[in-house]
Amino acid sequence: LGLRMSELGKTTEVITARRTESLDAHEISKLITPDTENVFGRVNIIYLLEKANLAVTLSNEKNEIVAHAAFLDYPNLDSVDPADWETWLHERYDSSNCTVPKSTLY
């Protein structure tokens, strides 16, 4: 998937979305800033890529990675058992209006 991004009517660059590969880990780690760590904590990129249900990388025309997102089927918190995350959700939040939990990504 390629998209041409524009800014104020000027064409700036083509951004391509693709599934992340393990070889992308080093370049993805370069995207981490102190603000990223403040929000998400220290992240083990390889572990995250191994556990992710979906991982997407955005790259520019020079094939430089400009963004990354990884999605799990459970909340990525140390206090949450991945096999029992629904209990964690119901104990902490009003989940009476939740959709089917099996279709949820975090």
N, C-alpha and C. Protein backbone atom coordinates (compact mmCIF):
# COMPACT_ATOMS: atom_id res chain seq x y z
N LEU A 1 0.85 -1.17 0.00
CA LEU A 1 0.00 0.00 0.00
C LEU A 1 0.89 1.22 0.00
N GLY A 2 0.76 2.07 -0.98
CA GLY A 2 1.54 3.30 -1.03
C GLY A 2 0.62 4.50 -1.06
N LEU A 3 0.94 5.50 -0.30
CA LEU A 3 0.15 6.73 -0.25
C LEU A 3 1.05 7.91 -0.51
N ARG A 4 0.58 8.85 -1.32
CA ARG A 4 1.34 10.06 -1.54
C ARG A 4 0.84 11.10 -0.55
N MET A 5 1.72 11.52 0.34
CA MET A 5 1.37 12.49 1.37
C MET A 5 1.63 13.89 0.81
N SER A 6 0.78 14.83 1.17
CA SER A 6 1.01 16.19 0.71
C SER A 6 0.86 17.16 1.87
N GLU A 7 1.54 18.29 1.74
CA GLU A 7 1.51 19.32 2.77
C GLU A 7 1.27 20.65 2.06
N LEU A 8 0.15 21.28 2.37
CA LEU A 8 -0.20 22.56 1.76
C LEU A 8 -0.14 22.50 0.24
N GLY A 9 -0.64 21.41 -0.32
CA GLY A 9 -0.70 21.28 -1.76
C GLY A 9 0.59 20.83 -2.42
N LYS A 10 1.67 20.74 -1.66
CA LYS A 10 2.94 20.29 -2.21
C LYS A 10 3.09 18.80 -1.95
N THR A 11 3.50 18.05 -2.94
CA THR A 11 3.76 16.63 -2.75
C THR A 11 5.07 16.49 -1.99
N THR A 12 5.05 15.73 -0.91
CA THR A 12 6.27 15.59 -0.11
C THR A 12 6.92 14.22 -0.26
N GLU A 13 6.18 13.13 -0.06
CA GLU A 13 6.79 11.82 -0.22
C GLU A 13 5.74 10.72 -0.28
N VAL A 14 6.15 9.57 -0.75
CA VAL A 14 5.29 8.39 -0.78
C VAL A 14 5.56 7.59 0.49
N ILE A 15 4.50 7.22 1.19
CA ILE A 15 4.59 6.40 2.39
C ILE A 15 4.00 5.03 2.08
N THR A 16 4.75 3.98 2.37
CA THR A 16 4.30 2.62 2.10
C THR A 16 4.06 1.89 3.41
N ALA A 17 2.92 1.20 3.51
CA ALA A 17 2.60 0.39 4.69
C ALA A 17 2.80 -1.08 4.33
N ARG A 18 3.42 -1.81 5.26
CA ARG A 18 3.65 -3.24 5.05
C ARG A 18 3.72 -3.93 6.41
N ARG A 19 3.60 -5.25 6.38
CA ARG A 19 3.77 -6.02 7.61
C ARG A 19 5.22 -5.93 8.06
N THR A 20 5.41 -5.81 9.35
CA THR A 20 6.75 -5.70 9.91
C THR A 20 7.47 -7.03 9.83
N GLU A 21 8.77 -6.96 9.58
CA GLU A 21 9.63 -8.14 9.59
C GLU A 21 10.60 -8.02 10.77
N SER A 22 11.09 -9.14 11.26
CA SER A 22 12.00 -9.10 12.40
C SER A 22 13.27 -8.30 12.09
N LEU A 23 13.66 -8.26 10.81
CA LEU A 23 14.84 -7.48 10.42
C LEU A 23 14.64 -5.97 10.61
N ASP A 24 13.39 -5.53 10.80
CA ASP A 24 13.09 -4.12 11.01
C ASP A 24 13.37 -3.66 12.44
N ALA A 25 13.60 -4.59 13.35
CA ALA A 25 13.70 -4.27 14.78
C ALA A 25 14.73 -3.18 15.08
N HIS A 26 15.90 -3.26 14.47
CA HIS A 26 16.94 -2.26 14.75
C HIS A 26 16.49 -0.86 14.35
N GLU A 27 15.91 -0.72 13.17
CA GLU A 27 15.46 0.60 12.71
C GLU A 27 14.26 1.08 13.54
N ILE A 28 13.39 0.16 13.95
CA ILE A 28 12.25 0.54 14.79
C ILE A 28 12.75 1.08 16.12
N SER A 29 13.79 0.46 16.67
CA SER A 29 14.32 0.92 17.96
C SER A 29 14.83 2.36 17.89
N LYS A 30 15.24 2.80 16.71
CA LYS A 30 15.70 4.18 16.53
C LYS A 30 14.55 5.19 16.63
N LEU A 31 13.32 4.72 16.50
CA LEU A 31 12.16 5.61 16.61
C LEU A 31 11.79 5.92 18.06
N ILE A 32 12.32 5.15 19.00
CA ILE A 32 11.97 5.31 20.41
C ILE A 32 12.64 6.56 20.98
N THR A 33 11.83 7.40 21.60
CA THR A 33 12.29 8.63 22.22
C THR A 33 12.02 8.55 23.73
N PRO A 34 12.55 9.48 24.51
CA PRO A 34 12.21 9.51 25.94
C PRO A 34 10.69 9.62 26.17
N ASP A 35 10.00 10.35 25.32
CA ASP A 35 8.54 10.45 25.45
C ASP A 35 7.87 9.10 25.21
N THR A 36 8.39 8.34 24.25
CA THR A 36 7.86 7.00 23.99
C THR A 36 8.01 6.13 25.24
N GLU A 37 9.19 6.17 25.86
CA GLU A 37 9.43 5.38 27.06
C GLU A 37 8.56 5.84 28.23
N ASN A 38 8.29 7.14 28.32
CA ASN A 38 7.42 7.64 29.39
C ASN A 38 6.01 7.07 29.26
N VAL A 39 5.53 6.90 28.04
CA VAL A 39 4.18 6.40 27.81
C VAL A 39 4.12 4.88 27.89
N PHE A 40 5.05 4.18 27.23
CA PHE A 40 4.98 2.74 27.08
C PHE A 40 5.98 1.97 27.96
N GLY A 41 6.91 2.68 28.61
CA GLY A 41 7.96 2.00 29.35
C GLY A 41 9.02 1.49 28.40
N ARG A 42 9.97 0.73 28.94
CA ARG A 42 11.01 0.15 28.09
C ARG A 42 10.41 -1.02 27.34
N VAL A 43 10.59 -1.02 26.04
CA VAL A 43 9.97 -2.01 25.18
C VAL A 43 11.04 -2.90 24.56
N ASN A 44 10.84 -4.21 24.65
CA ASN A 44 11.70 -5.17 23.97
C ASN A 44 11.08 -5.39 22.59
N ILE A 45 11.66 -4.78 21.58
CA ILE A 45 11.08 -4.80 20.23
C ILE A 45 10.95 -6.22 19.70
N ILE A 46 11.99 -7.03 19.84
CA ILE A 46 11.94 -8.41 19.33
C ILE A 46 10.80 -9.19 19.99
N TYR A 47 10.70 -9.09 21.31
CA TYR A 47 9.64 -9.79 22.03
C TYR A 47 8.27 -9.31 21.56
N LEU A 48 8.12 -8.00 21.41
CA LEU A 48 6.84 -7.44 20.96
C LEU A 48 6.48 -7.95 19.57
N LEU A 49 7.44 -7.99 18.66
CA LEU A 49 7.16 -8.48 17.31
C LEU A 49 6.80 -9.96 17.31
N GLU A 50 7.42 -10.74 18.19
CA GLU A 50 7.09 -12.16 18.27
C GLU A 50 5.68 -12.39 18.78
N LYS A 51 5.21 -11.54 19.70
CA LYS A 51 3.90 -11.73 20.34
C LYS A 51 2.77 -11.01 19.61
N ALA A 52 3.08 -10.06 18.77
CA ALA A 52 2.05 -9.23 18.12
C ALA A 52 1.19 -10.05 17.15
N ASN A 53 -0.12 -9.78 17.19
CA ASN A 53 -1.04 -10.36 16.22
C ASN A 53 -0.89 -9.66 14.88
N LEU A 54 -0.58 -8.38 14.95
CA LEU A 54 -0.40 -7.57 13.74
C LEU A 54 0.66 -6.52 14.04
N ALA A 55 1.64 -6.41 13.17
CA ALA A 55 2.66 -5.37 13.29
C ALA A 55 2.81 -4.73 11.91
N VAL A 56 2.72 -3.41 11.87
CA VAL A 56 2.73 -2.66 10.62
C VAL A 56 3.86 -1.64 10.66
N THR A 57 4.57 -1.53 9.56
CA THR A 57 5.66 -0.57 9.42
C THR A 57 5.35 0.37 8.26
N LEU A 58 5.62 1.64 8.48
CA LEU A 58 5.50 2.64 7.42
C LEU A 58 6.90 3.06 7.01
N SER A 59 7.15 3.11 5.71
CA SER A 59 8.46 3.53 5.22
C SER A 59 8.28 4.52 4.08
N ASN A 60 9.33 5.32 3.87
CA ASN A 60 9.28 6.33 2.82
C ASN A 60 9.89 5.78 1.52
N GLU A 61 10.02 6.66 0.52
CA GLU A 61 10.55 6.24 -0.79
C GLU A 61 11.97 5.70 -0.72
N LYS A 62 12.73 6.12 0.30
CA LYS A 62 14.10 5.65 0.48
C LYS A 62 14.15 4.37 1.30
N ASN A 63 12.98 3.80 1.58
CA ASN A 63 12.83 2.60 2.40
C ASN A 63 13.28 2.81 3.84
N GLU A 64 13.22 4.06 4.31
CA GLU A 64 13.53 4.38 5.70
C GLU A 64 12.25 4.21 6.51
N ILE A 65 12.35 3.55 7.65
CA ILE A 65 11.19 3.35 8.51
C ILE A 65 10.86 4.66 9.20
N VAL A 66 9.61 5.11 9.04
CA VAL A 66 9.18 6.37 9.63
C VAL A 66 8.16 6.17 10.74
N ALA A 67 7.55 4.99 10.83
CA ALA A 67 6.58 4.72 11.90
C ALA A 67 6.37 3.21 12.02
N HIS A 68 5.88 2.83 13.19
CA HIS A 68 5.62 1.41 13.44
C HIS A 68 4.49 1.29 14.46
N ALA A 69 3.68 0.25 14.30
CA ALA A 69 2.62 -0.07 15.27
C ALA A 69 2.53 -1.58 15.41
N ALA A 70 2.41 -2.05 16.65
CA ALA A 70 2.24 -3.48 16.92
C ALA A 70 1.00 -3.64 17.79
N PHE A 71 0.18 -4.64 17.47
CA PHE A 71 -1.08 -4.85 18.17
C PHE A 71 -1.12 -6.26 18.76
N LEU A 72 -1.51 -6.33 20.02
CA LEU A 72 -1.65 -7.60 20.73
C LEU A 72 -3.13 -7.86 20.98
N ASP A 73 -3.47 -9.10 21.30
CA ASP A 73 -4.88 -9.40 21.60
C ASP A 73 -5.14 -9.40 23.11
N TYR A 74 -4.28 -8.73 23.86
CA TYR A 74 -4.45 -8.52 25.30
C TYR A 74 -3.72 -7.24 25.67
N PRO A 75 -4.09 -6.59 26.79
CA PRO A 75 -3.37 -5.38 27.21
C PRO A 75 -1.92 -5.72 27.55
N ASN A 76 -1.00 -4.96 27.05
CA ASN A 76 0.42 -5.22 27.24
C ASN A 76 0.89 -4.57 28.55
N LEU A 77 0.45 -5.15 29.65
CA LEU A 77 0.81 -4.66 30.98
C LEU A 77 1.38 -5.81 31.78
N ASP A 78 2.38 -5.52 32.60
CA ASP A 78 2.98 -6.57 33.42
C ASP A 78 1.96 -7.22 34.35
N SER A 79 0.97 -6.45 34.79
CA SER A 79 -0.02 -6.96 35.75
C SER A 79 -1.12 -7.79 35.11
N VAL A 80 -1.09 -7.96 33.78
CA VAL A 80 -2.16 -8.67 33.09
C VAL A 80 -1.65 -10.01 32.57
N ASP A 81 -2.36 -11.07 32.97
CA ASP A 81 -2.08 -12.41 32.45
C ASP A 81 -2.68 -12.48 31.04
N PRO A 82 -1.87 -12.68 30.01
CA PRO A 82 -2.40 -12.72 28.64
C PRO A 82 -3.51 -13.75 28.45
N ALA A 83 -3.50 -14.82 29.24
CA ALA A 83 -4.52 -15.86 29.11
C ALA A 83 -5.80 -15.52 29.86
N ASP A 84 -5.77 -14.48 30.72
CA ASP A 84 -6.93 -14.15 31.55
C ASP A 84 -7.20 -12.65 31.57
N TRP A 85 -6.95 -11.99 30.47
CA TRP A 85 -7.10 -10.54 30.44
C TRP A 85 -8.55 -10.09 30.54
N GLU A 86 -9.50 -10.94 30.14
CA GLU A 86 -10.91 -10.54 30.22
C GLU A 86 -11.33 -10.35 31.67
N THR A 87 -10.84 -11.18 32.57
CA THR A 87 -11.13 -11.00 34.01
C THR A 87 -10.58 -9.66 34.47
N TRP A 88 -9.36 -9.35 34.10
CA TRP A 88 -8.74 -8.08 34.44
C TRP A 88 -9.60 -6.91 33.96
N LEU A 89 -10.09 -7.00 32.74
CA LEU A 89 -10.93 -5.95 32.17
C LEU A 89 -12.23 -5.78 32.97
N HIS A 90 -12.93 -6.89 33.25
CA HIS A 90 -14.21 -6.83 33.95
C HIS A 90 -14.06 -6.35 35.39
N GLU A 91 -12.94 -6.64 36.04
CA GLU A 91 -12.72 -6.20 37.42
C GLU A 91 -12.43 -4.71 37.52
N ARG A 92 -11.91 -4.12 36.49
CA ARG A 92 -11.49 -2.72 36.55
C ARG A 92 -12.38 -1.73 35.81
N TYR A 93 -13.17 -2.21 34.88
CA TYR A 93 -13.97 -1.31 34.05
C TYR A 93 -15.38 -1.85 33.88
N ASP A 94 -16.31 -0.92 33.64
CA ASP A 94 -17.67 -1.33 33.30
C ASP A 94 -17.61 -1.83 31.86
N SER A 95 -17.68 -3.13 31.72
CA SER A 95 -17.53 -3.71 30.39
C SER A 95 -18.85 -4.28 29.88
N SER A 96 -19.94 -3.82 30.47
CA SER A 96 -21.25 -4.36 30.07
C SER A 96 -21.60 -4.01 28.62
N ASN A 97 -21.05 -2.94 28.10
CA ASN A 97 -21.34 -2.54 26.72
C ASN A 97 -20.24 -2.93 25.75
N CYS A 98 -19.30 -3.75 26.19
CA CYS A 98 -18.17 -4.14 25.33
C CYS A 98 -18.65 -5.07 24.23
N THR A 99 -17.97 -4.97 23.12
CA THR A 99 -18.21 -5.90 22.03
C THR A 99 -17.50 -7.20 22.35
N VAL A 100 -17.52 -8.12 21.48
CA VAL A 100 -16.89 -9.42 21.70
C VAL A 100 -15.39 -9.20 21.99
N PRO A 101 -14.90 -9.61 23.16
CA PRO A 101 -13.49 -9.37 23.50
C PRO A 101 -12.52 -10.04 22.55
N LYS A 102 -12.89 -11.10 21.92
CA LYS A 102 -11.97 -11.79 21.01
C LYS A 102 -11.64 -10.99 19.77
N SER A 103 -12.40 -9.93 19.52
CA SER A 103 -12.13 -9.11 18.34
C SER A 103 -11.43 -7.81 18.72
N THR A 104 -10.77 -7.81 19.87
CA THR A 104 -10.14 -6.61 20.40
C THR A 104 -8.62 -6.67 20.25
N LEU A 105 -8.01 -5.58 19.81
CA LEU A 105 -6.55 -5.48 19.75
C LEU A 105 -6.11 -4.28 20.56
N TYR A 106 -4.98 -4.40 21.22
CA TYR A 106 -4.41 -3.32 22.02
C TYR A 106 -3.10 -2.89 21.44
